[in-house]
Amino acid sequence: MSASMGSVARETTTRETLTTRFQPPGGEMELVPSPSERLPADELPAAGMRCSFEGDGAMTCGACRSDSDCQAGMGCVANRETRRFECLASECEEDTHCFPGLVCRPVTTGAAGPVIRRCVPSGGRRQGEPCDGLFISQAGACQEGLSCHRGLCGRPCRLDDALSCPEGQVCEDGLDGPVCFPDCRANGCPSGQQCKQLDDSDYQCLSEVKGDCPEKACGAGERCNMRLSQGRGVFWCAALCNPLRADSCPAGQICGMGSTTLSTCYSRCDPRAPDACGEGLSCTTVTEDMTQWGCSPVSSP
């Protein structure tokens, strides 16, 4: 992970950001990243993972913590059935490689290893509707023939053909190939949403926005961190840091992921402590190997 300067980038990591929900007897913890739906069988959101703390305070959620724990050609993937992380290889390259009712979709971003693609159930989200960037459940997945790009379902397109997308949409290169994405500066947004600037060139309709960067510039040595989920966004300025230097952040803070390439400082927290971060913040994993925890703004009410 690089600590070079930059402005703003989306959250696209191979590890999910985990937050504690509760601690049952025996020390095992249910960890909840951006739920799409609740599963009555175990009363956990679809995105919940079953993890436990080791003696050194590190989090264990399965056979691996990051892609570096896996053999070449494999990635550390969240198994939605076992709710544990496992080293898995790709099993498909396109939808035709999967059984009927299943589609071939990325389950890792490839930020720290290969992009792993697996056969997963097709969802019900239609074009233009919010979706989960990586597969979590059918409830947050796009219909067959559509891909999730920047939190919205879109149809495939050709980067070299401006006419391959409807008027008011642009063809953008996504994790699952080129996808049509609406330009809210040209089209505006539905009622109750706003056209929010994400970086120097990208804008997106969001139903809920917290924070005013990058429109309002961050201070010297800071960057605008951003987290997007299901049509909501939270934006905040944070000091850049170097994860290879222990003194890169002030006392009481930890150097964690600001984006796939940049690191920023977070207030250190203990996920086992109730209300460790205070109102509007949650104690989440801020390093790819899930060994460090920091306070991060939350986008949900």
C-alpha atoms as a PDB file:
ATOM      1  CA  MET A   1       0.000   0.000   0.000  1.00  0.00           C
ATOM      2  CA  SER A   2       1.457   3.316  -1.042  1.00  0.00           C
ATOM      3  CA  ALA A   3       1.418   6.518   0.974  1.00  0.00           C
ATOM      4  CA  SER A   4       1.842   8.801  -2.045  1.00  0.00           C
ATOM      5  CA  MET A   5      -0.265  11.960  -2.345  1.00  0.00           C
ATOM      6  CA  GLY A   6      -3.710  11.941  -3.955  1.00  0.00           C
ATOM      7  CA  SER A   7      -7.153  13.519  -3.783  1.00  0.00           C
ATOM      8  CA  VAL A   8      -9.986  11.024  -3.438  1.00  0.00           C
ATOM      9  CA  ALA A   9     -10.689   7.404  -4.331  1.00  0.00           C
ATOM     10  CA  ARG A  10     -13.504   4.946  -3.818  1.00  0.00           C
ATOM     11  CA  GLU A  11     -13.335   2.149  -1.316  1.00  0.00           C
ATOM     12  CA  THR A  12     -12.304  -0.848  -3.395  1.00  0.00           C
ATOM     13  CA  THR A  13     -10.437  -3.287  -1.194  1.00  0.00           C
ATOM     14  CA  THR A  14     -10.171  -7.050  -1.290  1.00  0.00           C
ATOM     15  CA  ARG A  15     -11.101  -7.246   2.389  1.00  0.00           C
ATOM     16  CA  GLU A  16     -14.452  -6.107   3.610  1.00  0.00           C
ATOM     17  CA  THR A  17     -14.654  -3.453   6.299  1.00  0.00           C
ATOM     18  CA  LEU A  18     -15.977  -5.267   9.347  1.00  0.00           C
ATOM     19  CA  THR A  19     -17.823  -3.840  12.338  1.00  0.00           C
ATOM     20  CA  THR A  20     -18.776  -5.706  15.500  1.00  0.00           C
ATOM     21  CA  ARG A  21     -22.439  -6.404  16.142  1.00  0.00           C
ATOM     22  CA  PHE A  22     -22.415  -8.356  19.406  1.00  0.00           C
ATOM     23  CA  GLN A  23     -20.269 -10.832  21.301  1.00  0.00           C
ATOM     24  CA  PRO A  24     -22.002 -14.060  22.282  1.00  0.00           C
ATOM     25  CA  PRO A  25     -20.636 -16.455  24.924  1.00  0.00           C
ATOM     26  CA  GLY A  26     -17.447 -18.217  23.906  1.00  0.00           C
ATOM     27  CA  GLY A  27     -15.688 -15.257  22.371  1.00  0.00           C
ATOM     28  CA  GLU A  28     -16.960 -15.599  18.783  1.00  0.00           C
ATOM     29  CA  MET A  29     -18.117 -12.345  17.224  1.00  0.00           C
ATOM     30  CA  GLU A  30     -20.569 -11.660  14.442  1.00  0.00           C
ATOM     31  CA  LEU A  31     -19.104  -8.988  12.165  1.00  0.00           C
ATOM     32  CA  VAL A  32     -21.335  -6.974   9.927  1.00  0.00           C
ATOM     33  CA  PRO A  33     -20.136  -5.165   6.764  1.00  0.00           C
ATOM     34  CA  SER A  34     -22.777  -3.091   4.918  1.00  0.00           C
ATOM     35  CA  PRO A  35     -25.801  -5.442   5.211  1.00  0.00           C
ATOM     36  CA  SER A  36     -28.022  -5.993   2.177  1.00  0.00           C
ATOM     37  CA  GLU A  37     -30.710  -8.009   3.891  1.00  0.00           C
ATOM     38  CA  ARG A  38     -31.342  -9.864   7.109  1.00  0.00           C
ATOM     39  CA  LEU A  39     -31.363 -13.653   7.225  1.00  0.00           C
ATOM     40  CA  PRO A  40     -33.863 -14.932   9.794  1.00  0.00           C
ATOM     41  CA  ALA A  41     -32.049 -18.273  10.132  1.00  0.00           C
ATOM     42  CA  ASP A  42     -29.250 -16.801  12.248  1.00  0.00           C
ATOM     43  CA  GLU A  43     -30.468 -13.206  12.662  1.00  0.00           C
ATOM     44  CA  LEU A  44     -27.392 -11.870  10.874  1.00  0.00           C
ATOM     45  CA  PRO A  45     -27.354  -9.537   7.869  1.00  0.00           C
ATOM     46  CA  ALA A  46     -26.436 -11.241   4.615  1.00  0.00           C
ATOM     47  CA  ALA A  47     -22.946  -9.729   4.843  1.00  0.00           C
ATOM     48  CA  GLY A  48     -22.242 -10.951   8.395  1.00  0.00           C
ATOM     49  CA  MET A  49     -19.067 -12.987   8.955  1.00  0.00           C
ATOM     50  CA  ARG A  50     -18.232 -15.225  11.913  1.00  0.00           C
ATOM     51  CA  CYS A  51     -14.909 -14.229  13.450  1.00  0.00           C
ATOM     52  CA  SER A  52     -12.951 -14.581  16.666  1.00  0.00           C
ATOM     53  CA  PHE A  53     -10.121 -12.730  18.375  1.00  0.00           C
ATOM     54  CA  GLU A  54      -6.712 -14.328  18.829  1.00  0.00           C
ATOM     55  CA  GLY A  55      -4.447 -13.735  21.808  1.00  0.00           C
ATOM     56  CA  ASP A  56      -2.609 -10.908  20.064  1.00  0.00           C
ATOM     57  CA  GLY A  57      -5.872  -9.092  19.324  1.00  0.00           C
ATOM     58  CA  ALA A  58      -5.869 -10.044  15.634  1.00  0.00           C
ATOM     59  CA  MET A  59      -9.138 -11.040  13.991  1.00  0.00           C
ATOM     60  CA  THR A  60      -9.575 -14.515  12.505  1.00  0.00           C
ATOM     61  CA  CYS A  61     -12.498 -15.050  10.142  1.00  0.00           C
ATOM     62  CA  GLY A  62     -11.423 -18.253   8.422  1.00  0.00           C
ATOM     63  CA  ALA A  63      -8.461 -19.779   6.615  1.00  0.00           C
ATOM     64  CA  CYS A  64      -7.059 -16.456   5.367  1.00  0.00           C
ATOM     65  CA  ARG A  65      -6.967 -12.742   6.111  1.00  0.00           C
ATOM     66  CA  SER A  66      -5.638 -11.418   2.806  1.00  0.00           C
ATOM     67  CA  ASP A  67      -4.724 -12.645  -0.677  1.00  0.00           C
ATOM     68  CA  SER A  68      -1.101 -13.005   0.445  1.00  0.00           C
ATOM     69  CA  ASP A  69      -2.185 -15.932   2.657  1.00  0.00           C
ATOM     70  CA  CYS A  70      -3.275 -17.892  -0.439  1.00  0.00           C
ATOM     71  CA  GLN A  71      -1.400 -19.794  -3.136  1.00  0.00           C
ATOM     72  CA  ALA A  72      -0.643 -18.125  -6.458  1.00  0.00           C
ATOM     73  CA  GLY A  73      -3.761 -17.699  -8.573  1.00  0.00           C
ATOM     74  CA  MET A  74      -6.078 -17.809  -5.564  1.00  0.00           C
ATOM     75  CA  GLY A  75      -7.663 -15.049  -3.491  1.00  0.00           C
ATOM     76  CA  CYS A  76      -9.100 -14.674   0.002  1.00  0.00           C
ATOM     77  CA  VAL A  77     -12.854 -14.808  -0.609  1.00  0.00           C
ATOM     78  CA  ALA A  78     -15.841 -14.475   1.741  1.00  0.00           C
ATOM     79  CA  ASN A  79     -17.829 -17.716   1.565  1.00  0.00           C
ATOM     80  CA  ARG A  80     -21.428 -16.534   2.025  1.00  0.00           C
ATOM     81  CA  GLU A  81     -22.633 -19.992   3.062  1.00  0.00           C
ATOM     82  CA  THR A  82     -20.081 -20.702   5.797  1.00  0.00           C
ATOM     83  CA  ARG A  83     -19.583 -16.987   6.672  1.00  0.00           C
ATOM     84  CA  ARG A  84     -15.830 -17.581   6.704  1.00  0.00           C
ATOM     85  CA  PHE A  85     -12.952 -16.428   4.492  1.00  0.00           C
ATOM     86  CA  GLU A  86     -11.431 -19.126   2.261  1.00  0.00           C
ATOM     87  CA  CYS A  87      -8.676 -19.300  -0.353  1.00  0.00           C
ATOM     88  CA  LEU A  88     -10.468 -19.855  -3.659  1.00  0.00           C
ATOM     89  CA  ALA A  89      -9.573 -19.737  -7.349  1.00  0.00           C
ATOM     90  CA  SER A  90     -11.738 -18.433 -10.176  1.00  0.00           C
ATOM     91  CA  GLU A  91     -14.241 -20.964 -11.509  1.00  0.00           C
ATOM     92  CA  CYS A  92     -15.537 -19.005 -14.509  1.00  0.00           C
ATOM     93  CA  GLU A  93     -14.760 -16.235 -16.974  1.00  0.00           C
ATOM     94  CA  GLU A  94     -18.256 -15.529 -18.320  1.00  0.00           C
ATOM     95  CA  ASP A  95     -21.879 -16.353 -17.542  1.00  0.00           C
ATOM     96  CA  THR A  96     -21.986 -19.294 -19.951  1.00  0.00           C
ATOM     97  CA  HIS A  97     -19.476 -21.119 -17.729  1.00  0.00           C
ATOM     98  CA  CYS A  98     -22.078 -21.264 -14.922  1.00  0.00           C
ATOM     99  CA  PHE A  99     -25.197 -23.387 -14.453  1.00  0.00           C
ATOM    100  CA  PRO A 100     -28.591 -21.826 -15.310  1.00  0.00           C
ATOM    101  CA  GLY A 101     -29.652 -19.244 -12.739  1.00  0.00           C
ATOM    102  CA  LEU A 102     -26.050 -18.416 -11.900  1.00  0.00           C
ATOM    103  CA  VAL A 103     -23.830 -15.661 -13.309  1.00  0.00           C
ATOM    104  CA  CYS A 104     -20.059 -15.181 -13.315  1.00  0.00           C
ATOM    105  CA  ARG A 105     -19.159 -12.196 -11.127  1.00  0.00           C
ATOM    106  CA  PRO A 106     -16.036 -10.844  -9.373  1.00  0.00           C
ATOM    107  CA  VAL A 107     -15.871 -11.648  -5.654  1.00  0.00           C
ATOM    108  CA  THR A 108     -12.599  -9.746  -5.067  1.00  0.00           C
ATOM    109  CA  THR A 109     -11.415  -6.453  -6.547  1.00  0.00           C
ATOM    110  CA  GLY A 110      -7.885  -7.623  -7.355  1.00  0.00           C
ATOM    111  CA  ALA A 111      -6.356  -4.717  -5.431  1.00  0.00           C
ATOM    112  CA  ALA A 112      -3.862  -7.008  -3.662  1.00  0.00           C
ATOM    113  CA  GLY A 113      -4.049 -10.133  -5.820  1.00  0.00           C
ATOM    114  CA  PRO A 114      -5.909 -11.664  -8.768  1.00  0.00           C
ATOM    115  CA  VAL A 115      -9.538 -10.814  -9.512  1.00  0.00           C
ATOM    116  CA  ILE A 116     -11.403 -13.944  -8.439  1.00  0.00           C
ATOM    117  CA  ARG A 117     -14.606 -14.711 -10.332  1.00  0.00           C
ATOM    118  CA  ARG A 118     -17.184 -17.198  -9.070  1.00  0.00           C
ATOM    119  CA  CYS A 119     -20.609 -18.423 -10.143  1.00  0.00           C
ATOM    120  CA  VAL A 120     -23.220 -16.709  -7.953  1.00  0.00           C
ATOM    121  CA  PRO A 121     -27.030 -16.410  -8.113  1.00  0.00           C
ATOM    122  CA  SER A 122     -28.357 -13.638 -10.339  1.00  0.00           C
ATOM    123  CA  GLY A 123     -30.214 -10.921  -8.469  1.00  0.00           C
ATOM    124  CA  GLY A 124     -33.324  -8.841  -9.013  1.00  0.00           C
ATOM    125  CA  ARG A 125     -31.921  -5.308  -9.123  1.00  0.00           C
ATOM    126  CA  ARG A 126     -32.814  -3.561 -12.383  1.00  0.00           C
ATOM    127  CA  GLN A 127     -30.859  -1.068 -14.467  1.00  0.00           C
ATOM    128  CA  GLY A 128     -30.185   2.091 -12.468  1.00  0.00           C
ATOM    129  CA  GLU A 129     -31.036   0.519  -9.101  1.00  0.00           C
ATOM    130  CA  PRO A 130     -28.526   0.386  -6.187  1.00  0.00           C
ATOM    131  CA  CYS A 131     -26.442  -2.780  -5.821  1.00  0.00           C
ATOM    132  CA  ASP A 132     -23.559  -4.324  -3.888  1.00  0.00           C
ATOM    133  CA  GLY A 133     -20.208  -3.870  -5.645  1.00  0.00           C
ATOM    134  CA  LEU A 134     -19.155  -7.433  -4.805  1.00  0.00           C
ATOM    135  CA  PHE A 135     -21.699 -10.226  -4.425  1.00  0.00           C
ATOM    136  CA  ILE A 136     -23.197 -10.459  -0.926  1.00  0.00           C
ATOM    137  CA  SER A 137     -26.701 -11.775  -1.571  1.00  0.00           C
ATOM    138  CA  GLN A 138     -29.342 -11.979  -4.284  1.00  0.00           C
ATOM    139  CA  ALA A 139     -31.122  -9.049  -2.630  1.00  0.00           C
ATOM    140  CA  GLY A 140     -28.270  -6.695  -3.488  1.00  0.00           C
ATOM    141  CA  ALA A 141     -27.280  -8.214  -6.854  1.00  0.00           C
ATOM    142  CA  CYS A 142     -28.162  -7.117 -10.393  1.00  0.00           C
ATOM    143  CA  GLN A 143     -30.300  -9.019 -12.859  1.00  0.00           C
ATOM    144  CA  GLU A 144     -28.596 -11.260 -15.392  1.00  0.00           C
ATOM    145  CA  GLY A 145     -27.055  -9.182 -18.178  1.00  0.00           C
ATOM    146  CA  LEU A 146     -26.318  -6.223 -15.872  1.00  0.00           C
ATOM    147  CA  SER A 147     -23.232  -5.408 -13.797  1.00  0.00           C
ATOM    148  CA  CYS A 148     -22.802  -3.426 -10.600  1.00  0.00           C
ATOM    149  CA  HIS A 149     -20.605  -0.376 -11.144  1.00  0.00           C
ATOM    150  CA  ARG A 150     -20.165   2.373  -8.565  1.00  0.00           C
ATOM    151  CA  GLY A 151     -23.137   1.032  -6.644  1.00  0.00           C
ATOM    152  CA  LEU A 152     -25.611   1.020  -9.569  1.00  0.00           C
ATOM    153  CA  CYS A 153     -26.718  -1.711 -11.980  1.00  0.00           C
ATOM    154  CA  GLY A 154     -25.790  -0.912 -15.581  1.00  0.00           C
ATOM    155  CA  ARG A 155     -25.734  -2.596 -18.949  1.00  0.00           C
ATOM    156  CA  PRO A 156     -22.523  -3.508 -20.827  1.00  0.00           C
ATOM    157  CA  CYS A 157     -21.104  -1.069 -23.377  1.00  0.00           C
ATOM    158  CA  ARG A 158     -18.069  -0.429 -25.596  1.00  0.00           C
ATOM    159  CA  LEU A 159     -15.506   2.153 -24.510  1.00  0.00           C
ATOM    160  CA  ASP A 160     -14.755   3.077 -28.126  1.00  0.00           C
ATOM    161  CA  ASP A 161     -18.428   3.628 -29.033  1.00  0.00           C
ATOM    162  CA  ALA A 162     -20.226   6.595 -27.440  1.00  0.00           C
ATOM    163  CA  LEU A 163     -23.524   5.346 -28.908  1.00  0.00           C
ATOM    164  CA  SER A 164     -23.373   2.056 -26.991  1.00  0.00           C
ATOM    165  CA  CYS A 165     -25.005   3.805 -23.995  1.00  0.00           C
ATOM    166  CA  PRO A 166     -28.322   5.691 -23.848  1.00  0.00           C
ATOM    167  CA  GLU A 167     -28.298   9.481 -24.000  1.00  0.00           C
ATOM    168  CA  GLY A 168     -27.157  10.998 -20.711  1.00  0.00           C
ATOM    169  CA  GLN A 169     -25.001   7.998 -19.811  1.00  0.00           C
ATOM    170  CA  VAL A 170     -21.294   7.395 -20.284  1.00  0.00           C
ATOM    171  CA  CYS A 171     -19.365   4.167 -20.807  1.00  0.00           C
ATOM    172  CA  GLU A 172     -16.980   3.563 -17.903  1.00  0.00           C
ATOM    173  CA  ASP A 173     -14.540   0.720 -17.367  1.00  0.00           C
ATOM    174  CA  GLY A 174     -15.621  -1.293 -14.324  1.00  0.00           C
ATOM    175  CA  LEU A 175     -14.443  -4.361 -12.444  1.00  0.00           C
ATOM    176  CA  ASP A 176     -16.770  -6.517 -14.540  1.00  0.00           C
ATOM    177  CA  GLY A 177     -15.960  -4.758 -17.834  1.00  0.00           C
ATOM    178  CA  PRO A 178     -17.276  -1.539 -19.438  1.00  0.00           C
ATOM    179  CA  VAL A 179     -20.666  -0.456 -18.049  1.00  0.00           C
ATOM    180  CA  CYS A 180     -23.084   2.394 -18.851  1.00  0.00           C
ATOM    181  CA  PHE A 181     -23.295   4.871 -15.979  1.00  0.00           C
ATOM    182  CA  PRO A 182     -25.621   7.911 -15.696  1.00  0.00           C
ATOM    183  CA  ASP A 183     -24.070  11.389 -15.843  1.00  0.00           C
ATOM    184  CA  CYS A 184     -25.990  13.291 -13.167  1.00  0.00           C
ATOM    185  CA  ARG A 185     -24.526  16.617 -14.262  1.00  0.00           C
ATOM    186  CA  ALA A 186     -26.424  16.212 -17.539  1.00  0.00           C
ATOM    187  CA  ASN A 187     -29.519  14.361 -16.312  1.00  0.00           C
ATOM    188  CA  GLY A 188     -29.951  15.583 -12.767  1.00  0.00           C
ATOM    189  CA  CYS A 189     -31.047  13.180 -10.027  1.00  0.00           C
ATOM    190  CA  PRO A 190     -34.336  11.658  -8.873  1.00  0.00           C
ATOM    191  CA  SER A 191     -36.269  13.485  -6.174  1.00  0.00           C
ATOM    192  CA  GLY A 192     -34.533  13.209  -2.811  1.00  0.00           C
ATOM    193  CA  GLN A 193     -31.077  12.631  -4.290  1.00  0.00           C
ATOM    194  CA  GLN A 194     -28.203  14.977  -5.079  1.00  0.00           C
ATOM    195  CA  CYS A 195     -25.459  14.971  -7.702  1.00  0.00           C
ATOM    196  CA  LYS A 196     -22.355  14.589  -5.524  1.00  0.00           C
ATOM    197  CA  GLN A 197     -18.789  15.149  -6.688  1.00  0.00           C
ATOM    198  CA  LEU A 198     -16.582  12.120  -6.024  1.00  0.00           C
ATOM    199  CA  ASP A 199     -13.274  13.240  -7.514  1.00  0.00           C
ATOM    200  CA  ASP A 200     -11.905  15.475 -10.247  1.00  0.00           C
ATOM    201  CA  SER A 201     -14.077  13.910 -12.967  1.00  0.00           C
ATOM    202  CA  ASP A 202     -16.751  11.660 -11.435  1.00  0.00           C
ATOM    203  CA  TYR A 203     -20.170  12.584 -10.040  1.00  0.00           C
ATOM    204  CA  GLN A 204     -22.953  10.364  -8.740  1.00  0.00           C
ATOM    205  CA  CYS A 205     -26.541  10.643  -7.494  1.00  0.00           C
ATOM    206  CA  LEU A 206     -26.679   9.814  -3.781  1.00  0.00           C
ATOM    207  CA  SER A 207     -29.717   9.628  -1.518  1.00  0.00           C
ATOM    208  CA  GLU A 208     -27.703  10.428   1.591  1.00  0.00           C
ATOM    209  CA  VAL A 209     -24.477  12.439   1.848  1.00  0.00           C
ATOM    210  CA  LYS A 210     -22.355  13.139   4.908  1.00  0.00           C
ATOM    211  CA  GLY A 211     -19.313  15.400   4.550  1.00  0.00           C
ATOM    212  CA  ASP A 212     -18.426  18.218   2.149  1.00  0.00           C
ATOM    213  CA  CYS A 213     -15.120  17.190   0.565  1.00  0.00           C
ATOM    214  CA  PRO A 214     -13.796  17.189  -2.130  1.00  0.00           C
ATOM    215  CA  GLU A 215     -15.884  20.281  -2.997  1.00  0.00           C
ATOM    216  CA  LYS A 216     -14.363  21.832   0.108  1.00  0.00           C
ATOM    217  CA  ALA A 217     -10.628  21.199  -0.110  1.00  0.00           C
ATOM    218  CA  CYS A 218      -8.907  19.221   2.633  1.00  0.00           C
ATOM    219  CA  GLY A 219      -5.958  20.686   4.520  1.00  0.00           C
ATOM    220  CA  ALA A 220      -2.299  20.267   3.631  1.00  0.00           C
ATOM    221  CA  GLY A 221      -1.196  16.641   3.971  1.00  0.00           C
ATOM    222  CA  GLU A 222      -4.789  15.357   3.979  1.00  0.00           C
ATOM    223  CA  ARG A 223      -7.003  13.546   1.491  1.00  0.00           C
ATOM    224  CA  CYS A 224     -10.745  13.113   1.070  1.00  0.00           C
ATOM    225  CA  ASN A 225     -11.695   9.591   2.120  1.00  0.00           C
ATOM    226  CA  MET A 226     -14.932   8.214   0.720  1.00  0.00           C
ATOM    227  CA  ARG A 227     -17.174   5.246   1.471  1.00  0.00           C
ATOM    228  CA  LEU A 228     -20.126   4.454  -0.812  1.00  0.00           C
ATOM    229  CA  SER A 229     -22.822   1.903  -0.034  1.00  0.00           C
ATOM    230  CA  GLN A 230     -26.289   1.345  -1.524  1.00  0.00           C
ATOM    231  CA  GLY A 231     -26.751   4.898  -2.764  1.00  0.00           C
ATOM    232  CA  ARG A 232     -25.327   6.553   0.357  1.00  0.00           C
ATOM    233  CA  GLY A 233     -21.947   8.211   0.796  1.00  0.00           C
ATOM    234  CA  VAL A 234     -19.785   9.513   3.612  1.00  0.00           C
ATOM    235  CA  PHE A 235     -16.830  11.827   2.919  1.00  0.00           C
ATOM    236  CA  TRP A 236     -14.193  13.071   5.360  1.00  0.00           C
ATOM    237  CA  CYS A 237     -10.707  14.578   5.380  1.00  0.00           C
ATOM    238  CA  ALA A 238      -7.940  12.508   6.984  1.00  0.00           C
ATOM    239  CA  ALA A 239      -4.188  12.915   7.341  1.00  0.00           C
ATOM    240  CA  LEU A 240      -2.056  10.869   4.948  1.00  0.00           C
ATOM    241  CA  CYS A 241       0.326   8.395   6.579  1.00  0.00           C
ATOM    242  CA  ASN A 242       2.911   5.734   5.817  1.00  0.00           C
ATOM    243  CA  PRO A 243       1.922   2.228   7.027  1.00  0.00           C
ATOM    244  CA  LEU A 244       5.603   1.244   7.144  1.00  0.00           C
ATOM    245  CA  ARG A 245       6.350   3.882   9.794  1.00  0.00           C
ATOM    246  CA  ALA A 246       5.079   3.350  13.338  1.00  0.00           C
ATOM    247  CA  ASP A 247       5.228   7.092  14.074  1.00  0.00           C
ATOM    248  CA  SER A 248       3.361   8.086  10.915  1.00  0.00           C
ATOM    249  CA  CYS A 249       0.224   9.043  12.893  1.00  0.00           C
ATOM    250  CA  PRO A 250      -0.148  10.939  16.193  1.00  0.00           C
ATOM    251  CA  ALA A 251      -0.451   9.069  19.495  1.00  0.00           C
ATOM    252  CA  GLY A 252      -3.758   7.250  19.810  1.00  0.00           C
ATOM    253  CA  GLN A 253      -4.162   6.881  16.044  1.00  0.00           C
ATOM    254  CA  ILE A 254      -3.439   4.088  13.566  1.00  0.00           C
ATOM    255  CA  CYS A 255      -2.424   4.151   9.895  1.00  0.00           C
ATOM    256  CA  GLY A 256      -5.066   2.354   7.832  1.00  0.00           C
ATOM    257  CA  MET A 257      -6.598   2.103   4.363  1.00  0.00           C
ATOM    258  CA  GLY A 258      -7.765   5.376   2.864  1.00  0.00           C
ATOM    259  CA  SER A 259      -8.158   3.744  -0.558  1.00  0.00           C
ATOM    260  CA  THR A 260      -6.520   0.936  -2.505  1.00  0.00           C
ATOM    261  CA  THR A 261      -3.303   2.949  -2.855  1.00  0.00           C
ATOM    262  CA  LEU A 262      -3.345   5.561  -0.086  1.00  0.00           C
ATOM    263  CA  SER A 263      -3.229   5.294   3.705  1.00  0.00           C
ATOM    264  CA  THR A 264      -4.704   7.703   6.260  1.00  0.00           C
ATOM    265  CA  CYS A 265      -4.825   8.057  10.043  1.00  0.00           C
ATOM    266  CA  TYR A 266      -7.751   6.773  12.138  1.00  0.00           C
ATOM    267  CA  SER A 267      -8.409   7.048  15.866  1.00  0.00           C
ATOM    268  CA  ARG A 268      -7.526   3.682  17.386  1.00  0.00           C
ATOM    269  CA  CYS A 269     -10.410   1.747  18.995  1.00  0.00           C
ATOM    270  CA  ASP A 270     -11.247  -1.565  20.661  1.00  0.00           C
ATOM    271  CA  PRO A 271     -14.121  -3.353  18.853  1.00  0.00           C
ATOM    272  CA  ARG A 272     -15.008  -5.184  22.070  1.00  0.00           C
ATOM    273  CA  ALA A 273     -15.740  -1.916  23.875  1.00  0.00           C
ATOM    274  CA  PRO A 274     -19.336  -0.618  23.618  1.00  0.00           C
ATOM    275  CA  ASP A 275     -19.562   2.764  21.896  1.00  0.00           C
ATOM    276  CA  ALA A 276     -15.796   2.755  21.369  1.00  0.00           C
ATOM    277  CA  CYS A 277     -15.938   5.631  18.885  1.00  0.00           C
ATOM    278  CA  GLY A 278     -18.942   7.741  19.798  1.00  0.00           C
ATOM    279  CA  GLU A 279     -21.983   8.922  17.863  1.00  0.00           C
ATOM    280  CA  GLY A 280     -21.728   8.838  14.063  1.00  0.00           C
ATOM    281  CA  LEU A 281     -18.635   6.607  14.102  1.00  0.00           C
ATOM    282  CA  SER A 282     -18.058   2.864  14.137  1.00  0.00           C
ATOM    283  CA  CYS A 283     -15.061   0.756  15.124  1.00  0.00           C
ATOM    284  CA  THR A 284     -14.020  -1.045  11.933  1.00  0.00           C
ATOM    285  CA  THR A 285     -11.061  -2.945  10.548  1.00  0.00           C
ATOM    286  CA  VAL A 286      -8.787  -0.452   8.782  1.00  0.00           C
ATOM    287  CA  THR A 287      -6.011  -2.788   7.581  1.00  0.00           C
ATOM    288  CA  GLU A 288      -6.312  -5.502   4.959  1.00  0.00           C
ATOM    289  CA  ASP A 289      -5.199  -8.243   7.366  1.00  0.00           C
ATOM    290  CA  MET A 290      -7.894  -7.213   9.890  1.00  0.00           C
ATOM    291  CA  THR A 291      -5.386  -6.761  12.721  1.00  0.00           C
ATOM    292  CA  GLN A 292      -5.934  -3.031  13.352  1.00  0.00           C
ATOM    293  CA  TRP A 293      -9.144  -1.209  14.230  1.00  0.00           C
ATOM    294  CA  GLY A 294     -10.038   2.455  13.843  1.00  0.00           C
ATOM    295  CA  CYS A 295     -13.007   4.827  14.128  1.00  0.00           C
ATOM    296  CA  SER A 296     -14.653   5.524  10.778  1.00  0.00           C
ATOM    297  CA  PRO A 297     -17.729   7.652   9.923  1.00  0.00           C
ATOM    298  CA  VAL A 298     -20.856   5.671   9.062  1.00  0.00           C
ATOM    299  CA  SER A 299     -23.199   6.489   6.198  1.00  0.00           C
ATOM    300  CA  SER A 300     -26.337   4.847   7.577  1.00  0.00           C
ATOM    301  CA  PRO A 301     -28.663   6.832   9.863  1.00  0.00           C
END
